[in-house]
Amino acid sequence: MQLSRKSIRARRDFLLKLVIGAAGVGALIAFVAWFAFERNWVTTDNAFVTGNIIPVHSDATGVVAAVLAEETQMVKKGDVLVRLDGQRARAALSQAEAELGRAVRAVGALFASRRQICQRVLSRAAIRDRTRHDLSRYKQAAPSGAASRQLLQNTEDQLAAQEADLRETRAEYQAVEARVVGVTRMNHPDIEAAKAKFNDAYVEFLRQNIRAPATGYVAKRKVQVGQRVRPGDPILNIVPLDHLWVEANLWENRMDRVRPGQEAIAKVDLYGSAQTYHGVVEGIVPGSGSVFAMLPPDNATGNFIRIVQRIPVRIALQADELEKQPLRPGLSTVISIDVSSGGVSVNASQTKTSSAEYTTHIYDDDLTRAKIKTEEIVKANLLSTSDEAEKGCAMGE
């Protein structure tokens, strides 16, 4: 049965009205969605979870004797991760200890030499004074003939020789005094230099145990047993998972209302839409991603292509949500920022460095332990003597 031309036109008009009505309803729904939600939200899927990836490097030279941490393992701050063969470091420490002991004894001998020369100065000054007295008596007795002219001449010559000997001994004393003046046996420069070398050797010995600077999970272990490492060689990475954030890269033409302090929600591809994370905008990076690239753009060369840039925005995540549903750096997310709230100034960053991975104290005691050991070595090699006998050396001019 063929339809009439009028029926066909009526059906066509009905379908056209239906399409127009559906388009109108869709446009209305889109407008309502934009007015109620999207106009106050900035959304991007160019966002990734990130965090502090702490590199651990060797601070000493040695051969790896034991690897005590493997990837995916959790380590605590201060745990030994890698142990180096410390035989060379121990030998260098023993040599530095011997050098320190020798320096202490050499300085002790220097002070003893000063005391010895001091007594020699006093002895020669006394002999010189006795000769002076004899010469004075001979001069008084010479007119009466009680003292011969030859005796008088010999005594004068003897006094001149004793004066010269005394001046020579005083010069020796001044030479030794120049090496010890203003210092004691505990803080002589030779001892301080030996202390510094011992402290360096002791710290080198302690650093044969490579320790974790922060608590976190091990990733990218790069050393093997038997490998020789030097200061600065990478060992592994530590990733704390209790402090993560999202770096969202927003188009520059959608950044006019984004402010630190605004609330945001994140959906991670790992969990899909079943899990929503809540966060806060902490700060806006002071520059687009391109200017921090290895080869930043140089538009003044003439090869200019206008490209809409992206600005990285840092969004903090809540610690309790991270504990319930752990994340990993590098995961893809979809971020939506509520720009309806005012927030704070664009440049008023709310980022803080109060988390545990921003500071470490595992190295603070190394030098203190070394100094305690140096004091023990100094006291063990120090002679207990007094300088009271040297106070008269400057007298008797």
Protein backbone atom coordinates (compact mmCIF):
# COMPACT_ATOMS: atom_id res chain seq x y z
CA MET A 1 0.00 0.00 0.00
CA GLN A 2 1.53 3.24 -1.07
CA LEU A 3 1.47 6.22 1.25
CA SER A 4 0.11 9.44 -0.09
CA ARG A 5 2.31 12.44 -0.54
CA LYS A 6 0.44 14.17 2.23
CA SER A 7 1.16 11.35 4.69
CA ILE A 8 4.81 11.37 3.85
CA ARG A 9 4.99 15.13 4.39
CA ALA A 10 3.20 14.82 7.72
CA ARG A 11 5.55 12.09 8.93
CA ARG A 12 8.55 14.11 7.83
CA ASP A 13 7.32 17.18 9.66
CA PHE A 14 6.73 15.08 12.78
CA LEU A 15 10.25 13.64 12.71
CA LEU A 16 11.73 17.08 12.07
CA LYS A 17 9.84 18.50 15.02
CA LEU A 18 10.96 15.56 17.10
CA VAL A 19 14.62 16.18 16.18
CA ILE A 20 14.28 19.90 16.82
CA GLY A 21 12.57 19.20 20.14
CA ALA A 22 15.29 16.74 21.16
CA ALA A 23 17.98 19.23 20.19
CA GLY A 24 16.20 21.93 22.18
CA VAL A 25 15.89 19.66 25.22
CA GLY A 26 19.56 18.72 24.91
CA ALA A 27 20.55 22.36 24.65
CA LEU A 28 18.40 23.16 27.68
CA ILE A 29 19.96 20.31 29.67
CA ALA A 30 23.43 21.47 28.61
CA PHE A 31 22.62 25.04 29.61
CA VAL A 32 21.24 23.95 32.98
CA ALA A 33 24.31 21.75 33.55
CA TRP A 34 26.62 24.60 32.61
CA PHE A 35 24.71 27.13 34.72
CA ALA A 36 24.43 24.88 37.75
CA PHE A 37 27.81 23.18 37.63
CA GLU A 38 30.27 23.74 34.84
CA ARG A 39 30.41 27.54 34.95
CA ASN A 40 31.76 27.32 38.50
CA TRP A 41 34.13 24.43 37.85
CA VAL A 42 37.34 24.13 35.87
CA THR A 43 38.03 20.55 34.81
CA THR A 44 40.99 18.89 33.14
CA ASP A 45 42.20 15.37 32.56
CA ASN A 46 45.79 16.58 32.15
CA ALA A 47 46.51 15.95 35.80
CA PHE A 48 48.75 13.47 37.55
CA VAL A 49 49.47 12.34 41.08
CA THR A 50 52.94 13.36 42.24
CA GLY A 51 54.97 13.44 45.43
CA ASN A 52 58.47 13.66 46.85
CA ILE A 53 60.78 11.11 45.24
CA ILE A 54 63.83 11.18 47.51
CA PRO A 55 67.08 10.06 45.86
CA VAL A 56 69.61 8.27 48.03
CA HIS A 57 73.25 8.65 46.99
CA SER A 58 76.47 7.27 48.31
CA ASP A 59 78.51 9.65 50.47
CA ALA A 60 81.52 7.34 50.76
CA THR A 61 83.78 5.20 48.61
CA GLY A 62 83.62 1.43 48.89
CA VAL A 63 82.43 -1.88 47.53
CA VAL A 64 78.84 -2.90 48.20
CA ALA A 65 78.93 -5.74 50.73
CA ALA A 66 75.21 -6.07 51.47
CA VAL A 67 71.95 -4.75 50.04
CA LEU A 68 69.43 -4.60 52.86
CA ALA A 69 66.43 -3.03 51.10
CA GLU A 70 64.61 -4.05 47.94
CA GLU A 71 62.03 -2.35 45.76
CA THR A 72 58.48 -2.06 47.16
CA GLN A 73 59.76 -2.54 50.72
CA MET A 74 58.95 0.09 53.31
CA VAL A 75 61.91 1.53 55.21
CA LYS A 76 61.99 3.88 58.16
CA LYS A 77 64.13 6.94 58.60
CA GLY A 78 67.59 5.89 59.73
CA ASP A 79 67.39 2.27 58.54
CA VAL A 80 70.54 0.91 56.88
CA LEU A 81 69.82 0.37 53.19
CA VAL A 82 73.23 -0.62 51.84
CA ARG A 83 76.37 -1.63 53.69
CA LEU A 84 79.76 -1.03 52.09
CA ASP A 85 82.91 -3.00 52.74
CA GLY A 86 84.53 -0.77 55.33
CA GLN A 87 88.03 -2.27 55.48
CA ARG A 88 89.74 0.60 53.64
CA ALA A 89 87.78 3.13 55.64
CA ARG A 90 88.72 1.35 58.86
CA ALA A 91 92.40 1.35 57.85
CA ALA A 92 92.24 5.06 57.02
CA LEU A 93 90.57 5.68 60.38
CA SER A 94 93.33 3.82 62.20
CA GLN A 95 95.96 5.86 60.36
CA ALA A 96 94.18 9.11 61.23
CA GLU A 97 93.98 7.99 64.87
CA ALA A 98 97.72 7.30 64.90
CA GLU A 99 98.44 10.68 63.30
CA LEU A 100 96.33 12.40 65.94
CA GLY A 101 98.12 10.59 68.76
CA ARG A 102 101.49 11.45 67.23
CA ALA A 103 100.50 15.10 66.88
CA VAL A 104 99.43 15.22 70.54
CA ARG A 105 102.73 13.72 71.67
CA ALA A 106 104.72 16.01 69.37
CA VAL A 107 102.98 19.04 70.82
CA GLY A 108 103.63 17.68 74.32
CA ALA A 109 107.30 17.33 73.42
CA LEU A 110 107.26 20.91 72.11
CA PHE A 111 105.94 22.20 75.41
CA ALA A 112 108.51 20.08 77.27
CA SER A 113 111.25 21.54 75.05
CA ARG A 114 110.08 25.00 75.96
CA ARG A 115 110.33 24.10 79.65
CA GLN A 116 113.80 22.68 79.08
CA ILE A 117 115.01 25.80 77.29
CA CYS A 118 113.35 27.91 79.94
CA GLN A 119 115.40 26.20 82.65
CA ARG A 120 118.52 26.63 80.53
CA VAL A 121 117.79 30.36 80.26
CA LEU A 122 117.45 30.62 84.03
CA SER A 123 120.64 28.60 84.59
CA ARG A 124 122.74 30.70 82.19
CA ALA A 125 121.27 33.89 83.59
CA ALA A 126 122.36 32.78 87.07
CA ILE A 127 125.87 31.96 85.83
CA ARG A 128 126.04 35.31 84.06
CA ASP A 129 124.92 37.10 87.25
CA ARG A 130 127.59 35.31 89.29
CA THR A 131 130.26 36.39 86.83
CA ARG A 132 128.98 39.95 87.01
CA HIS A 133 129.34 39.89 90.78
CA ASP A 134 132.88 38.48 90.51
CA LEU A 135 133.83 41.15 88.00
CA SER A 136 132.47 43.83 90.28
CA ARG A 137 134.58 42.55 93.21
CA TYR A 138 137.68 42.22 91.02
CA LYS A 139 137.32 45.80 89.87
CA GLN A 140 137.16 46.97 93.48
CA ALA A 141 140.20 44.86 94.42
CA ALA A 142 142.32 45.76 91.37
CA PRO A 143 143.62 49.14 92.65
CA SER A 144 145.05 47.52 95.81
CA GLY A 145 146.69 44.74 93.82
CA ALA A 146 144.47 42.00 95.33
CA ALA A 147 143.20 41.11 91.83
CA SER A 148 145.52 40.99 88.85
CA ARG A 149 144.84 42.74 85.60
CA GLN A 150 144.87 39.37 83.81
CA LEU A 151 142.17 38.02 86.15
CA LEU A 152 140.10 41.08 85.52
CA GLN A 153 140.50 40.75 81.75
CA ASN A 154 139.67 37.02 81.82
CA THR A 155 136.54 37.66 83.87
CA GLU A 156 135.35 40.34 81.42
CA ASP A 157 135.89 37.97 78.50
CA GLN A 158 134.08 35.20 80.36
CA LEU A 159 131.14 37.55 81.05
CA ALA A 160 130.93 38.51 77.36
CA ALA A 161 130.83 34.82 76.37
CA GLN A 162 128.14 34.08 78.95
CA GLU A 163 126.09 37.04 77.71
CA ALA A 164 126.28 35.65 74.18
CA ASP A 165 125.28 32.17 75.35
CA LEU A 166 122.32 33.64 77.24
CA ARG A 167 121.16 35.59 74.18
CA GLU A 168 121.41 32.46 72.06
CA THR A 169 119.39 30.43 74.57
CA ARG A 170 116.75 33.17 74.76
CA ALA A 171 116.50 33.12 70.97
CA GLU A 172 115.92 29.36 71.08
CA TYR A 173 113.22 29.91 73.68
CA GLN A 174 111.52 32.58 71.56
CA ALA A 175 111.57 30.25 68.54
CA VAL A 176 109.78 27.56 70.55
CA GLU A 177 107.51 30.12 72.19
CA ALA A 178 106.37 31.33 68.77
CA ARG A 179 105.01 27.83 68.09
CA VAL A 180 103.04 27.54 71.34
CA VAL A 181 102.13 31.09 72.30
CA GLY A 182 98.40 31.64 72.89
CA VAL A 183 97.50 27.95 72.76
CA THR A 184 97.41 24.98 75.07
CA ARG A 185 98.20 21.33 74.58
CA MET A 186 94.50 20.73 73.81
CA ASN A 187 94.00 23.33 71.06
CA HIS A 188 97.36 23.59 69.34
CA PRO A 189 97.00 24.07 65.54
CA ASP A 190 98.86 20.83 64.83
CA ILE A 191 96.42 18.95 67.04
CA GLU A 192 93.42 20.74 65.51
CA ALA A 193 94.59 19.76 62.01
CA ALA A 194 95.00 16.15 63.10
CA LYS A 195 91.55 16.29 64.72
CA ALA A 196 89.99 17.50 61.47
CA LYS A 197 91.58 14.65 59.52
CA PHE A 198 90.41 12.13 62.11
CA ASN A 199 86.87 13.56 62.06
CA ASP A 200 86.78 13.27 58.26
CA ALA A 201 88.02 9.66 58.42
CA TYR A 202 85.53 8.82 61.16
CA VAL A 203 82.59 10.26 59.23
CA GLU A 204 83.78 8.37 56.13
CA PHE A 205 83.80 5.20 58.23
CA LEU A 206 80.27 5.83 59.53
CA ARG A 207 78.99 6.58 56.03
CA GLN A 208 79.93 3.05 54.96
CA ASN A 209 76.39 2.30 56.14
CA ILE A 210 74.06 4.10 53.75
CA ARG A 211 70.93 5.00 55.68
CA ALA A 212 67.42 6.08 54.72
CA PRO A 213 66.94 9.86 55.05
CA ALA A 214 63.15 9.51 55.25
CA THR A 215 60.40 6.97 55.76
CA GLY A 216 58.87 5.56 52.61
CA TYR A 217 58.93 2.81 50.01
CA VAL A 218 62.01 1.77 48.06
CA ALA A 219 61.96 2.24 44.29
CA LYS A 220 64.51 1.96 41.48
CA ARG A 221 67.34 0.23 43.31
CA LYS A 222 70.48 0.72 41.23
CA VAL A 223 73.28 -1.07 43.11
CA GLN A 224 74.36 -4.68 43.30
CA VAL A 225 76.62 -6.56 45.68
CA GLY A 226 80.23 -6.20 44.57
CA GLN A 227 79.64 -2.90 42.81
CA ARG A 228 82.10 -0.14 43.66
CA VAL A 229 80.42 3.15 44.50
CA ARG A 230 81.79 6.63 44.98
CA PRO A 231 80.35 9.78 46.56
CA GLY A 232 77.41 10.98 44.49
CA ASP A 233 76.57 7.62 42.90
CA PRO A 234 72.80 6.92 42.95
CA ILE A 235 71.75 4.02 45.16
CA LEU A 236 67.94 3.98 45.12
CA ASN A 237 64.87 6.17 45.61
CA ILE A 238 62.51 6.46 48.56
CA VAL A 239 58.89 7.46 47.93
CA PRO A 240 56.74 8.55 50.92
CA LEU A 241 53.12 7.67 50.08
CA ASP A 242 51.48 9.49 52.99
CA HIS A 243 52.07 12.90 51.39
CA LEU A 244 50.97 13.15 47.77
CA TRP A 245 49.40 15.86 45.68
CA VAL A 246 48.03 16.38 42.17
CA GLU A 247 49.65 18.55 39.54
CA ALA A 248 46.92 19.71 37.18
CA ASN A 249 47.94 21.44 33.96
CA LEU A 250 45.19 23.92 33.06
CA TRP A 251 44.76 25.90 29.87
CA GLU A 252 45.89 29.48 30.38
CA ASN A 253 42.54 30.82 29.09
CA ARG A 254 40.74 29.04 31.98
CA MET A 255 42.97 30.27 34.77
CA ASP A 256 41.38 33.67 35.41
CA ARG A 257 39.27 32.47 38.39
CA VAL A 258 41.58 29.80 39.82
CA ARG A 259 42.93 30.76 43.23
CA PRO A 260 44.79 29.01 46.08
CA GLY A 261 42.42 27.86 48.80
CA GLN A 262 39.66 26.71 46.42
CA GLU A 263 38.28 23.21 46.87
CA ALA A 264 38.78 20.53 44.24
CA ILE A 265 37.75 16.96 43.59
CA ALA A 266 39.82 14.30 41.87
CA LYS A 267 38.93 11.02 40.25
CA VAL A 268 41.83 8.67 39.63
CA ASP A 269 41.84 6.26 36.70
CA LEU A 270 43.06 3.52 39.05
CA TYR A 271 39.73 3.47 40.88
CA GLY A 272 37.50 5.08 38.26
CA SER A 273 34.49 7.07 39.37
CA ALA A 274 33.93 4.79 42.37
CA GLN A 275 36.41 6.77 44.47
CA THR A 276 36.51 10.54 44.75
CA TYR A 277 39.35 12.39 46.43
CA HIS A 278 38.91 15.83 47.91
CA GLY A 279 41.62 18.42 47.82
CA VAL A 280 42.51 22.09 48.02
CA VAL A 281 44.42 24.26 45.58
CA GLU A 282 47.74 24.99 47.33
CA GLY A 283 49.44 27.13 44.74
CA ILE A 284 49.94 28.04 41.11
CA VAL A 285 53.35 27.46 39.54
CA PRO A 286 54.91 30.81 38.51
CA GLY A 287 55.28 29.97 34.85
CA SER A 288 53.97 27.73 32.12
CA GLY A 289 55.39 24.29 31.60
CA SER A 290 57.21 25.31 28.44
CA VAL A 291 59.51 27.84 30.10
CA PHE A 292 60.84 25.12 32.44
CA ALA A 293 61.52 22.71 29.61
CA MET A 294 65.04 21.68 28.69
CA LEU A 295 64.70 23.71 25.47
CA PRO A 296 62.44 26.66 26.36
CA PRO A 297 60.75 28.50 23.49
CA ASP A 298 62.51 31.49 21.96
CA ASN A 299 59.82 33.30 20.01
CA ALA A 300 62.16 36.18 19.17
CA THR A 301 63.91 34.01 16.57
CA GLY A 302 61.01 34.45 14.18
CA ASN A 303 59.78 30.85 14.23
CA PHE A 304 56.66 31.87 16.12
CA ILE A 305 53.69 29.55 16.49
CA ARG A 306 50.96 30.62 18.87
CA ILE A 307 50.05 27.72 21.15
CA VAL A 308 47.78 27.94 24.15
CA GLN A 309 49.95 27.20 27.15
CA ARG A 310 49.19 25.13 30.25
CA ILE A 311 49.88 26.33 33.79
CA PRO A 312 50.64 23.72 36.47
CA VAL A 313 48.43 23.97 39.55
CA ARG A 314 49.28 22.13 42.76
CA ILE A 315 46.33 20.50 44.55
CA ALA A 316 46.78 18.95 48.00
CA LEU A 317 45.02 15.66 48.82
CA GLN A 318 43.64 14.65 52.20
CA ALA A 319 45.83 12.30 54.22
CA ASP A 320 42.94 10.20 55.56
CA GLU A 321 41.66 9.49 52.04
CA LEU A 322 45.16 8.52 50.93
CA GLU A 323 45.39 6.12 53.85
CA LYS A 324 42.11 4.42 52.92
CA GLN A 325 42.74 4.32 49.19
CA PRO A 326 46.53 4.57 48.55
CA LEU A 327 47.84 6.26 45.43
CA ARG A 328 51.15 6.24 43.60
CA PRO A 329 53.01 9.09 41.91
CA GLY A 330 52.35 9.19 38.19
CA LEU A 331 48.71 8.04 38.24
CA SER A 332 46.33 9.83 35.85
CA THR A 333 43.48 11.84 37.34
CA VAL A 334 40.60 14.06 36.35
CA ILE A 335 40.56 17.25 38.41
CA SER A 336 37.69 19.64 38.91
CA ILE A 337 38.28 22.92 40.76
CA ASP A 338 35.40 24.85 42.31
CA VAL A 339 36.13 28.41 41.25
CA SER A 340 32.93 29.80 42.78
CA SER A 341 34.68 30.30 46.11
CA GLY A 342 36.93 33.31 46.31
CA GLY A 343 40.07 31.67 47.67
CA VAL A 344 43.08 33.91 48.34
CA SER A 345 45.43 35.94 46.18
CA VAL A 346 46.92 34.22 43.15
CA ASN A 347 50.42 34.55 44.56
CA ALA A 348 49.48 33.55 48.12
CA SER A 349 50.74 29.97 48.06
CA GLN A 350 49.51 27.67 50.83
CA THR A 351 52.18 25.04 50.26
CA LYS A 352 54.01 23.97 53.43
CA THR A 353 57.16 21.97 54.13
CA SER A 354 56.04 20.59 57.46
CA SER A 355 55.96 16.93 56.40
CA ALA A 356 58.57 14.51 57.69
CA GLU A 357 60.29 14.04 54.33
CA TYR A 358 61.36 17.70 54.14
CA THR A 359 64.01 17.30 56.84
CA THR A 360 66.28 14.60 58.16
CA HIS A 361 68.46 14.33 61.26
CA ILE A 362 70.18 11.01 60.58
CA TYR A 363 73.52 12.72 59.84
CA ASP A 364 73.54 15.16 62.76
CA ASP A 365 75.28 12.88 65.25
CA ASP A 366 78.12 11.70 62.99
CA LEU A 367 80.42 14.64 63.62
CA THR A 368 79.47 14.74 67.30
CA ARG A 369 80.50 11.12 67.70
CA ALA A 370 83.74 11.83 65.87
CA LYS A 371 84.55 14.76 68.18
CA ILE A 372 83.93 12.66 71.28
CA LYS A 373 86.34 10.06 69.94
CA THR A 374 88.99 12.69 69.18
CA GLU A 375 88.84 14.02 72.73
CA GLU A 376 89.37 10.51 74.06
CA ILE A 377 92.44 10.05 71.84
CA VAL A 378 93.87 13.44 72.84
CA LYS A 379 93.46 12.73 76.55
CA ALA A 380 95.00 9.28 76.17
CA ASN A 381 98.14 10.75 74.59
CA LEU A 382 98.36 13.94 76.63
CA LEU A 383 101.06 14.34 79.29
CA SER A 384 99.77 15.91 82.50
CA THR A 385 102.32 18.68 83.14
CA SER A 386 102.19 22.25 84.35
CA ASP A 387 103.49 25.47 82.86
CA GLU A 388 104.18 27.15 86.20
CA ALA A 389 107.95 26.63 85.88
CA GLU A 390 108.06 28.65 82.66
CA LYS A 391 106.78 31.95 84.04
CA GLY A 392 110.25 33.23 84.94
CA CYS A 393 111.77 32.81 81.50
CA ALA A 394 111.07 36.38 80.44
CA MET A 395 112.93 37.77 83.47
CA GLY A 396 116.60 38.33 84.10
CA GLU A 397 117.40 40.87 81.42
